All heavy atoms as atom14 arrays in JSON, in Angstrom:
{
  "sequence": "LLSAISPLCCYAYSEVSFPCEGVVDIGFGEIESRDLSSHLKGCHG",
  "atom14_mask": [
    [1, 1, 1, 1, 1, 1, 1, 1, 0, 0, 0, 0, 0, 0],
    [1, 1, 1, 1, 1, 1, 1, 1, 0, 0, 0, 0, 0, 0],
    [1, 1, 1, 1, 1, 1, 0, 0, 0, 0, 0, 0, 0, 0],
    [1, 1, 1, 1, 1, 0, 0, 0, 0, 0, 0, 0, 0, 0],
    [1, 1, 1, 1, 1, 1, 1, 1, 0, 0, 0, 0, 0, 0],
    [1, 1, 1, 1, 1, 1, 0, 0, 0, 0, 0, 0, 0, 0],
    [1, 1, 1, 1, 1, 1, 1, 0, 0, 0, 0, 0, 0, 0],
    [1, 1, 1, 1, 1, 1, 1, 1, 0, 0, 0, 0, 0, 0],
    [1, 1, 1, 1, 1, 1, 0, 0, 0, 0, 0, 0, 0, 0],
    [1, 1, 1, 1, 1, 1, 0, 0, 0, 0, 0, 0, 0, 0],
    [1, 1, 1, 1, 1, 1, 1, 1, 1, 1, 1, 1, 0, 0],
    [1, 1, 1, 1, 1, 0, 0, 0, 0, 0, 0, 0, 0, 0],
    [1, 1, 1, 1, 1, 1, 1, 1, 1, 1, 1, 1, 0, 0],
    [1, 1, 1, 1, 1, 1, 0, 0, 0, 0, 0, 0, 0, 0],
    [1, 1, 1, 1, 1, 1, 1, 1, 1, 0, 0, 0, 0, 0],
    [1, 1, 1, 1, 1, 1, 1, 0, 0, 0, 0, 0, 0, 0],
    [1, 1, 1, 1, 1, 1, 0, 0, 0, 0, 0, 0, 0, 0],
    [1, 1, 1, 1, 1, 1, 1, 1, 1, 1, 1, 0, 0, 0],
    [1, 1, 1, 1, 1, 1, 1, 0, 0, 0, 0, 0, 0, 0],
    [1, 1, 1, 1, 1, 1, 0, 0, 0, 0, 0, 0, 0, 0],
    [1, 1, 1, 1, 1, 1, 1, 1, 1, 0, 0, 0, 0, 0],
    [1, 1, 1, 1, 0, 0, 0, 0, 0, 0, 0, 0, 0, 0],
    [1, 1, 1, 1, 1, 1, 1, 0, 0, 0, 0, 0, 0, 0],
    [1, 1, 1, 1, 1, 1, 1, 0, 0, 0, 0, 0, 0, 0],
    [1, 1, 1, 1, 1, 1, 1, 1, 0, 0, 0, 0, 0, 0],
    [1, 1, 1, 1, 1, 1, 1, 1, 0, 0, 0, 0, 0, 0],
    [1, 1, 1, 1, 0, 0, 0, 0, 0, 0, 0, 0, 0, 0],
    [1, 1, 1, 1, 1, 1, 1, 1, 1, 1, 1, 0, 0, 0],
    [1, 1, 1, 1, 0, 0, 0, 0, 0, 0, 0, 0, 0, 0],
    [1, 1, 1, 1, 1, 1, 1, 1, 1, 0, 0, 0, 0, 0],
    [1, 1, 1, 1, 1, 1, 1, 1, 0, 0, 0, 0, 0, 0],
    [1, 1, 1, 1, 1, 1, 1, 1, 1, 0, 0, 0, 0, 0],
    [1, 1, 1, 1, 1, 1, 0, 0, 0, 0, 0, 0, 0, 0],
    [1, 1, 1, 1, 1, 1, 1, 1, 1, 1, 1, 0, 0, 0],
    [1, 1, 1, 1, 1, 1, 1, 1, 0, 0, 0, 0, 0, 0],
    [1, 1, 1, 1, 1, 1, 1, 1, 0, 0, 0, 0, 0, 0],
    [1, 1, 1, 1, 1, 1, 0, 0, 0, 0, 0, 0, 0, 0],
    [1, 1, 1, 1, 1, 1, 0, 0, 0, 0, 0, 0, 0, 0],
    [1, 1, 1, 1, 1, 1, 1, 1, 1, 1, 0, 0, 0, 0],
    [1, 1, 1, 1, 1, 1, 1, 1, 0, 0, 0, 0, 0, 0],
    [1, 1, 1, 1, 1, 1, 1, 1, 1, 0, 0, 0, 0, 0],
    [1, 1, 1, 1, 0, 0, 0, 0, 0, 0, 0, 0, 0, 0],
    [1, 1, 1, 1, 1, 1, 0, 0, 0, 0, 0, 0, 0, 0],
    [1, 1, 1, 1, 1, 1, 1, 1, 1, 1, 0, 0, 0, 0],
    [1, 1, 1, 1, 0, 0, 0, 0, 0, 0, 0, 0, 0, 0]
  ],
  "atom14_positions": [
    [[29.25, 14.8, -2.45], [29.03, 13.38, -2.73], [29.36, 13.06, -4.18], [30.1, 12.11, -4.47], [27.58, 13.0, -2.43], [27.16, 11.6, -2.91], [27.82, 10.52, -2.07], [25.65, 11.46, -2.88], [0.0, 0.0, 0.0], [0.0, 0.0, 0.0], [0.0, 0.0, 0.0], [0.0, 0.0, 0.0], [0.0, 0.0, 0.0], [0.0, 0.0, 0.0]],
    [[28.83, 13.85, -5.1], [28.98, 13.53, -6.52], [30.42, 13.68, -6.99], [30.79, 13.09, -8.02], [28.05, 14.41, -7.36], [26.54, 14.18, -7.13], [25.72, 15.07, -8.05], [26.18, 12.72, -7.34], [0.0, 0.0, 0.0], [0.0, 0.0, 0.0], [0.0, 0.0, 0.0], [0.0, 0.0, 0.0], [0.0, 0.0, 0.0], [0.0, 0.0, 0.0]],
    [[31.23, 14.41, -6.25], [32.64, 14.51, -6.6], [33.43, 13.3, -6.11], [34.59, 13.11, -6.5], [33.25, 15.79, -6.02], [33.34, 15.72, -4.6], [0.0, 0.0, 0.0], [0.0, 0.0, 0.0], [0.0, 0.0, 0.0], [0.0, 0.0, 0.0], [0.0, 0.0, 0.0], [0.0, 0.0, 0.0], [0.0, 0.0, 0.0], [0.0, 0.0, 0.0]],
    [[32.8, 12.48, -5.25], [33.52, 11.36, -4.62], [33.12, 9.98, -5.15], [33.77, 8.99, -4.84], [33.29, 11.4, -3.1], [0.0, 0.0, 0.0], [0.0, 0.0, 0.0], [0.0, 0.0, 0.0], [0.0, 0.0, 0.0], [0.0, 0.0, 0.0], [0.0, 0.0, 0.0], [0.0, 0.0, 0.0], [0.0, 0.0, 0.0], [0.0, 0.0, 0.0]],
    [[32.06, 9.92, -5.95], [31.55, 8.6, -6.35], [32.31, 8.04, -7.56], [32.93, 8.77, -8.32], [30.04, 8.65, -6.66], [29.75, 9.59, -7.84], [29.26, 9.06, -5.42], [28.3, 9.6, -8.28], [0.0, 0.0, 0.0], [0.0, 0.0, 0.0], [0.0, 0.0, 0.0], [0.0, 0.0, 0.0], [0.0, 0.0, 0.0], [0.0, 0.0, 0.0]],
    [[32.22, 6.72, -7.7], [32.82, 6.0, -8.83], [31.82, 4.94, -9.3], [31.9, 3.78, -8.87], [34.13, 5.34, -8.41], [35.06, 6.29, -7.93], [0.0, 0.0, 0.0], [0.0, 0.0, 0.0], [0.0, 0.0, 0.0], [0.0, 0.0, 0.0], [0.0, 0.0, 0.0], [0.0, 0.0, 0.0], [0.0, 0.0, 0.0], [0.0, 0.0, 0.0]],
    [[30.87, 5.31, -10.17], [29.81, 4.37, -10.56], [30.33, 3.2, -11.4], [31.0, 3.4, -12.41], [28.84, 5.25, -11.37], [29.26, 6.66, -11.13], [30.71, 6.62, -10.82], [0.0, 0.0, 0.0], [0.0, 0.0, 0.0], [0.0, 0.0, 0.0], [0.0, 0.0, 0.0], [0.0, 0.0, 0.0], [0.0, 0.0, 0.0], [0.0, 0.0, 0.0]],
    [[30.0, 2.01, -10.97], [30.35, 0.79, -11.7], [29.16, -0.17, -11.67], [28.39, -0.19, -10.71], [31.56, 0.09, -11.07], [32.94, 0.72, -11.24], [33.94, -0.03, -10.37], [33.37, 0.7, -12.69], [0.0, 0.0, 0.0], [0.0, 0.0, 0.0], [0.0, 0.0, 0.0], [0.0, 0.0, 0.0], [0.0, 0.0, 0.0], [0.0, 0.0, 0.0]],
    [[29.04, -0.97, -12.71], [27.99, -1.98, -12.78], [28.55, -3.21, -13.51], [29.33, -3.07, -14.45], [26.78, -1.43, -13.54], [25.56, -2.68, -14.03], [0.0, 0.0, 0.0], [0.0, 0.0, 0.0], [0.0, 0.0, 0.0], [0.0, 0.0, 0.0], [0.0, 0.0, 0.0], [0.0, 0.0, 0.0], [0.0, 0.0, 0.0], [0.0, 0.0, 0.0]],
    [[28.16, -4.38, -13.07], [28.46, -5.58, -13.83], [27.18, -6.42, -13.94], [26.29, -6.33, -13.11], [29.59, -6.39, -13.21], [29.28, -7.11, -11.59], [0.0, 0.0, 0.0], [0.0, 0.0, 0.0], [0.0, 0.0, 0.0], [0.0, 0.0, 0.0], [0.0, 0.0, 0.0], [0.0, 0.0, 0.0], [0.0, 0.0, 0.0], [0.0, 0.0, 0.0]],
    [[27.12, -7.2, -15.01], [25.91, -7.98, -15.25], [26.24, -9.2, -16.09], [27.27, -9.26, -16.77], [24.84, -7.14, -15.93], [25.21, -6.67, -17.32], [24.76, -7.34, -18.45], [26.01, -5.55, -17.51], [25.09, -6.91, -19.73], [26.35, -5.11, -18.78], [25.89, -5.79, -19.88], [26.23, -5.37, -21.14], [0.0, 0.0, 0.0], [0.0, 0.0, 0.0]],
    [[25.35, -10.18, -16.05], [25.51, -11.4, -16.84], [24.13, -11.93, -17.2], [23.19, -11.85, -16.41], [26.29, -12.45, -16.07], [0.0, 0.0, 0.0], [0.0, 0.0, 0.0], [0.0, 0.0, 0.0], [0.0, 0.0, 0.0], [0.0, 0.0, 0.0], [0.0, 0.0, 0.0], [0.0, 0.0, 0.0], [0.0, 0.0, 0.0], [0.0, 0.0, 0.0]],
    [[24.02, -12.48, -18.4], [22.75, -13.04, -18.86], [22.67, -14.52, -18.5], [23.64, -15.26, -18.6], [22.61, -12.89, -20.38], [21.32, -13.49, -20.92], [20.13, -12.78, -20.86], [21.31, -14.78, -21.44], [18.95, -13.32, -21.33], [20.13, -15.33, -21.91], [18.96, -14.61, -21.85], [17.79, -15.16, -22.31], [0.0, 0.0, 0.0], [0.0, 0.0, 0.0]],
    [[21.48, -14.94, -18.09], [21.24, -16.36, -17.8], [19.86, -16.74, -18.29], [18.93, -15.92, -18.25], [21.33, -16.62, -16.3], [20.94, -17.95, -15.98], [0.0, 0.0, 0.0], [0.0, 0.0, 0.0], [0.0, 0.0, 0.0], [0.0, 0.0, 0.0], [0.0, 0.0, 0.0], [0.0, 0.0, 0.0], [0.0, 0.0, 0.0], [0.0, 0.0, 0.0]],
    [[19.7, -17.96, -18.75], [18.37, -18.47, -19.06], [17.59, -18.65, -17.77], [18.17, -18.85, -16.7], [18.47, -19.79, -19.83], [19.08, -19.65, -21.21], [19.1, -20.96, -21.98], [18.76, -22.01, -21.38], [19.44, -20.93, -23.17], [0.0, 0.0, 0.0], [0.0, 0.0, 0.0], [0.0, 0.0, 0.0], [0.0, 0.0, 0.0], [0.0, 0.0, 0.0]],
    [[16.27, -18.58, -17.9], [15.38, -18.74, -16.74], [14.5, -19.96, -16.96], [13.99, -20.18, -18.07], [14.5, -17.49, -16.55], [13.39, -17.75, -15.54], [15.36, -16.31, -16.1], [0.0, 0.0, 0.0], [0.0, 0.0, 0.0], [0.0, 0.0, 0.0], [0.0, 0.0, 0.0], [0.0, 0.0, 0.0], [0.0, 0.0, 0.0], [0.0, 0.0, 0.0]],
    [[14.32, -20.76, -15.92], [13.4, -21.89, -15.98], [12.6, -21.96, -14.69], [12.98, -21.4, -13.67], [14.16, -23.2, -16.21], [15.04, -23.48, -15.13], [0.0, 0.0, 0.0], [0.0, 0.0, 0.0], [0.0, 0.0, 0.0], [0.0, 0.0, 0.0], [0.0, 0.0, 0.0], [0.0, 0.0, 0.0], [0.0, 0.0, 0.0], [0.0, 0.0, 0.0]],
    [[11.47, -22.66, -14.77], [10.55, -22.77, -13.63], [10.31, -24.25, -13.36], [9.35, -24.83, -13.89], [9.24, -22.05, -13.93], [9.42, -20.58, -14.25], [9.7, -20.16, -15.54], [9.32, -19.63, -13.25], [9.87, -18.82, -15.84], [9.49, -18.28, -13.53], [9.77, -17.87, -14.83], [0.0, 0.0, 0.0], [0.0, 0.0, 0.0], [0.0, 0.0, 0.0]],
    [[11.17, -24.89, -12.56], [11.06, -26.34, -12.32], [9.73, -26.77, -11.74], [9.22, -27.85, -12.07], [12.21, -26.62, -11.34], [13.16, -25.48, -11.53], [12.3, -24.3, -11.85], [0.0, 0.0, 0.0], [0.0, 0.0, 0.0], [0.0, 0.0, 0.0], [0.0, 0.0, 0.0], [0.0, 0.0, 0.0], [0.0, 0.0, 0.0], [0.0, 0.0, 0.0]],
    [[9.14, -25.95, -10.89], [7.83, -26.24, -10.31], [7.26, -24.94, -9.75], [7.93, -23.9, -9.73], [7.92, -27.32, -9.23], [9.02, -26.91, -7.85], [0.0, 0.0, 0.0], [0.0, 0.0, 0.0], [0.0, 0.0, 0.0], [0.0, 0.0, 0.0], [0.0, 0.0, 0.0], [0.0, 0.0, 0.0], [0.0, 0.0, 0.0], [0.0, 0.0, 0.0]],
    [[6.03, -25.01, -9.3], [5.36, -23.81, -8.8], [6.13, -23.2, -7.63], [6.52, -23.89, -6.69], [3.94, -24.14, -8.34], [3.14, -22.92, -7.93], [1.72, -23.27, -7.54], [1.31, -24.43, -7.71], [1.01, -22.36, -7.07], [0.0, 0.0, 0.0], [0.0, 0.0, 0.0], [0.0, 0.0, 0.0], [0.0, 0.0, 0.0], [0.0, 0.0, 0.0]],
    [[6.36, -21.91, -7.72], [7.04, -21.21, -6.64], [8.54, -21.38, -6.63], [9.21, -20.93, -5.69], [0.0, 0.0, 0.0], [0.0, 0.0, 0.0], [0.0, 0.0, 0.0], [0.0, 0.0, 0.0], [0.0, 0.0, 0.0], [0.0, 0.0, 0.0], [0.0, 0.0, 0.0], [0.0, 0.0, 0.0], [0.0, 0.0, 0.0], [0.0, 0.0, 0.0]],
    [[9.08, -21.99, -7.68], [10.54, -22.21, -7.77], [11.01, -21.71, -9.13], [10.38, -21.96, -10.15], [10.91, -23.7, -7.61], [12.41, -23.91, -7.8], [10.46, -24.21, -6.24], [0.0, 0.0, 0.0], [0.0, 0.0, 0.0], [0.0, 0.0, 0.0], [0.0, 0.0, 0.0], [0.0, 0.0, 0.0], [0.0, 0.0, 0.0], [0.0, 0.0, 0.0]],
    [[12.14, -20.99, -9.13], [12.7, -20.46, -10.37], [14.22, -20.65, -10.35], [14.85, -20.57, -9.29], [12.34, -18.97, -10.55], [12.85, -18.12, -9.4], [12.85, -18.43, -11.87], [0.0, 0.0, 0.0], [0.0, 0.0, 0.0], [0.0, 0.0, 0.0], [0.0, 0.0, 0.0], [0.0, 0.0, 0.0], [0.0, 0.0, 0.0], [0.0, 0.0, 0.0]],
    [[14.77, -20.94, -11.52], [16.23, -21.08, -11.66], [16.71, -19.92, -12.54], [16.3, -19.79, -13.69], [16.57, -22.41, -12.32], [18.07, -22.72, -12.27], [18.86, -21.76, -12.31], [18.43, -23.91, -12.23], [0.0, 0.0, 0.0], [0.0, 0.0, 0.0], [0.0, 0.0, 0.0], [0.0, 0.0, 0.0], [0.0, 0.0, 0.0], [0.0, 0.0, 0.0]],
    [[17.58, -19.08, -12.0], [18.08, -17.92, -12.75], [19.59, -18.01, -12.99], [20.25, -17.0, -13.2], [17.74, -16.59, -12.03], [18.3, -16.58, -10.6], [16.26, -16.34, -12.04], [18.15, -15.23, -9.9], [0.0, 0.0, 0.0], [0.0, 0.0, 0.0], [0.0, 0.0, 0.0], [0.0, 0.0, 0.0], [0.0, 0.0, 0.0], [0.0, 0.0, 0.0]],
    [[20.12, -19.24, -12.93], [21.51, -19.41, -13.28], [22.42, -19.83, -12.15], [23.55, -20.24, -12.38], [0.0, 0.0, 0.0], [0.0, 0.0, 0.0], [0.0, 0.0, 0.0], [0.0, 0.0, 0.0], [0.0, 0.0, 0.0], [0.0, 0.0, 0.0], [0.0, 0.0, 0.0], [0.0, 0.0, 0.0], [0.0, 0.0, 0.0], [0.0, 0.0, 0.0]],
    [[21.94, -19.74, -10.91], [22.8, -20.23, -9.82], [22.05, -21.22, -8.92], [22.25, -21.29, -7.73], [23.39, -19.08, -8.98], [22.43, -18.0, -8.52], [21.38, -18.27, -7.66], [22.63, -16.7, -8.94], [20.54, -17.27, -7.22], [21.8, -15.67, -8.49], [20.76, -15.95, -7.63], [0.0, 0.0, 0.0], [0.0, 0.0, 0.0], [0.0, 0.0, 0.0]],
    [[21.17, -21.99, -9.54], [20.45, -23.01, -8.81], [19.0, -22.64, -8.6], [18.57, -21.52, -8.88], [0.0, 0.0, 0.0], [0.0, 0.0, 0.0], [0.0, 0.0, 0.0], [0.0, 0.0, 0.0], [0.0, 0.0, 0.0], [0.0, 0.0, 0.0], [0.0, 0.0, 0.0], [0.0, 0.0, 0.0], [0.0, 0.0, 0.0], [0.0, 0.0, 0.0]],
    [[18.23, -23.59, -8.12], [16.8, -23.38, -7.92], [16.55, -22.51, -6.68], [17.14, -22.73, -5.63], [16.09, -24.72, -7.78], [16.16, -25.56, -9.05], [15.42, -26.88, -8.94], [14.85, -27.15, -7.84], [15.41, -27.63, -9.92], [0.0, 0.0, 0.0], [0.0, 0.0, 0.0], [0.0, 0.0, 0.0], [0.0, 0.0, 0.0], [0.0, 0.0, 0.0]],
    [[15.66, -21.53, -6.86], [15.33, -20.59, -5.79], [13.87, -20.77, -5.42], [12.99, -20.65, -6.29], [15.57, -19.14, -6.24], [17.04, -18.92, -6.57], [15.11, -18.15, -5.17], [17.31, -17.58, -7.23], [0.0, 0.0, 0.0], [0.0, 0.0, 0.0], [0.0, 0.0, 0.0], [0.0, 0.0, 0.0], [0.0, 0.0, 0.0], [0.0, 0.0, 0.0]],
    [[13.61, -21.04, -4.17], [12.23, -21.14, -3.7], [11.74, -19.73, -3.34], [12.09, -19.18, -2.31], [12.15, -22.06, -2.49], [12.48, -23.51, -2.8], [12.25, -24.42, -1.6], [11.61, -23.96, -0.63], [12.72, -25.57, -1.64], [0.0, 0.0, 0.0], [0.0, 0.0, 0.0], [0.0, 0.0, 0.0], [0.0, 0.0, 0.0], [0.0, 0.0, 0.0]],
    [[10.97, -19.14, -4.23], [10.45, -17.79, -4.01], [9.23, -17.59, -4.89], [9.35, -17.45, -6.12], [11.51, -16.73, -4.32], [10.92, -15.44, -4.33], [0.0, 0.0, 0.0], [0.0, 0.0, 0.0], [0.0, 0.0, 0.0], [0.0, 0.0, 0.0], [0.0, 0.0, 0.0], [0.0, 0.0, 0.0], [0.0, 0.0, 0.0], [0.0, 0.0, 0.0]],
    [[8.07, -17.55, -4.29], [6.85, -17.31, -5.06], [6.83, -15.89, -5.63], [6.34, -15.66, -6.73], [5.62, -17.56, -4.18], [5.43, -19.03, -3.82], [4.13, -19.28, -3.07], [3.97, -20.7, -2.79], [3.45, -21.57, -3.65], [3.05, -21.15, -4.84], [3.35, -22.85, -3.34], [0.0, 0.0, 0.0], [0.0, 0.0, 0.0], [0.0, 0.0, 0.0]],
    [[7.39, -14.94, -4.87], [7.39, -13.56, -5.33], [8.27, -13.38, -6.56], [7.88, -12.74, -7.53], [7.84, -12.62, -4.21], [6.86, -12.56, -3.06], [5.65, -12.69, -3.31], [7.3, -12.39, -1.9], [0.0, 0.0, 0.0], [0.0, 0.0, 0.0], [0.0, 0.0, 0.0], [0.0, 0.0, 0.0], [0.0, 0.0, 0.0], [0.0, 0.0, 0.0]],
    [[9.47, -13.95, -6.52], [10.37, -13.84, -7.68], [9.81, -14.62, -8.86], [9.86, -14.15, -10.0], [11.77, -14.34, -7.32], [12.81, -14.26, -8.44], [13.02, -12.82, -8.89], [14.13, -14.88, -8.0], [0.0, 0.0, 0.0], [0.0, 0.0, 0.0], [0.0, 0.0, 0.0], [0.0, 0.0, 0.0], [0.0, 0.0, 0.0], [0.0, 0.0, 0.0]],
    [[9.27, -15.81, -8.61], [8.68, -16.61, -9.68], [7.55, -15.85, -10.38], [7.45, -15.84, -11.61], [8.15, -17.94, -9.13], [9.2, -18.73, -8.61], [0.0, 0.0, 0.0], [0.0, 0.0, 0.0], [0.0, 0.0, 0.0], [0.0, 0.0, 0.0], [0.0, 0.0, 0.0], [0.0, 0.0, 0.0], [0.0, 0.0, 0.0], [0.0, 0.0, 0.0]],
    [[6.71, -15.22, -9.58], [5.59, -14.45, -10.14], [6.11, -13.26, -10.94], [5.6, -12.96, -12.02], [4.68, -13.98, -9.0], [3.65, -13.15, -9.49], [0.0, 0.0, 0.0], [0.0, 0.0, 0.0], [0.0, 0.0, 0.0], [0.0, 0.0, 0.0], [0.0, 0.0, 0.0], [0.0, 0.0, 0.0], [0.0, 0.0, 0.0], [0.0, 0.0, 0.0]],
    [[7.12, -12.6, -10.43], [7.67, -11.42, -11.1], [8.29, -11.79, -12.45], [8.21, -11.02, -13.41], [8.72, -10.76, -10.21], [9.2, -9.44, -10.73], [8.42, -8.32, -10.75], [10.39, -9.08, -11.27], [9.1, -7.31, -11.27], [10.3, -7.75, -11.6], [0.0, 0.0, 0.0], [0.0, 0.0, 0.0], [0.0, 0.0, 0.0], [0.0, 0.0, 0.0]],
    [[8.89, -12.97, -12.53], [9.58, -13.4, -13.75], [8.69, -14.25, -14.67], [9.17, -14.75, -15.69], [10.84, -14.21, -13.39], [11.94, -13.45, -12.65], [13.1, -14.39, -12.34], [12.42, -12.25, -13.45], [0.0, 0.0, 0.0], [0.0, 0.0, 0.0], [0.0, 0.0, 0.0], [0.0, 0.0, 0.0], [0.0, 0.0, 0.0], [0.0, 0.0, 0.0]],
    [[7.42, -14.39, -14.34], [6.53, -15.2, -15.15], [6.56, -14.74, -16.61], [6.42, -13.56, -16.92], [5.1, -15.1, -14.61], [4.1, -15.98, -15.35], [2.72, -15.86, -14.73], [1.7, -16.72, -15.47], [0.34, -16.58, -14.87], [0.0, 0.0, 0.0], [0.0, 0.0, 0.0], [0.0, 0.0, 0.0], [0.0, 0.0, 0.0], [0.0, 0.0, 0.0]],
    [[6.76, -15.68, -17.52], [6.8, -15.37, -18.94], [8.17, -14.98, -19.46], [8.35, -14.79, -20.67], [0.0, 0.0, 0.0], [0.0, 0.0, 0.0], [0.0, 0.0, 0.0], [0.0, 0.0, 0.0], [0.0, 0.0, 0.0], [0.0, 0.0, 0.0], [0.0, 0.0, 0.0], [0.0, 0.0, 0.0], [0.0, 0.0, 0.0], [0.0, 0.0, 0.0]],
    [[9.15, -14.85, -18.57], [10.5, -14.49, -18.99], [11.28, -15.73, -19.44], [11.18, -16.78, -18.81], [11.27, -13.82, -17.85], [10.6, -12.22, -17.35], [0.0, 0.0, 0.0], [0.0, 0.0, 0.0], [0.0, 0.0, 0.0], [0.0, 0.0, 0.0], [0.0, 0.0, 0.0], [0.0, 0.0, 0.0], [0.0, 0.0, 0.0], [0.0, 0.0, 0.0]],
    [[12.05, -15.59, -20.51], [12.89, -16.7, -20.96], [14.33, -16.55, -20.48], [15.12, -17.48, -20.56], [12.89, -16.79, -22.49], [13.38, -15.54, -23.17], [14.7, -15.16, -23.17], [12.71, -14.58, -23.85], [14.84, -14.02, -23.85], [13.63, -13.65, -24.26], [0.0, 0.0, 0.0], [0.0, 0.0, 0.0], [0.0, 0.0, 0.0], [0.0, 0.0, 0.0]],
    [[14.66, -15.37, -19.98], [16.02, -15.12, -19.5], [16.02, -14.0, -18.48], [14.98, -13.4, -18.18], [0.0, 0.0, 0.0], [0.0, 0.0, 0.0], [0.0, 0.0, 0.0], [0.0, 0.0, 0.0], [0.0, 0.0, 0.0], [0.0, 0.0, 0.0], [0.0, 0.0, 0.0], [0.0, 0.0, 0.0], [0.0, 0.0, 0.0], [0.0, 0.0, 0.0]]
  ]
}
């Protein structure tokens, strides 16, 4: 397996906002997710 893999990663930074309870915007529109909102609580990006 390890002789066959080609590890790659890409990433991008986005600001984070919380338009209302249970909703978070991470750069591609508002997401209705209480779990993600809770996980990102206090994050600015």
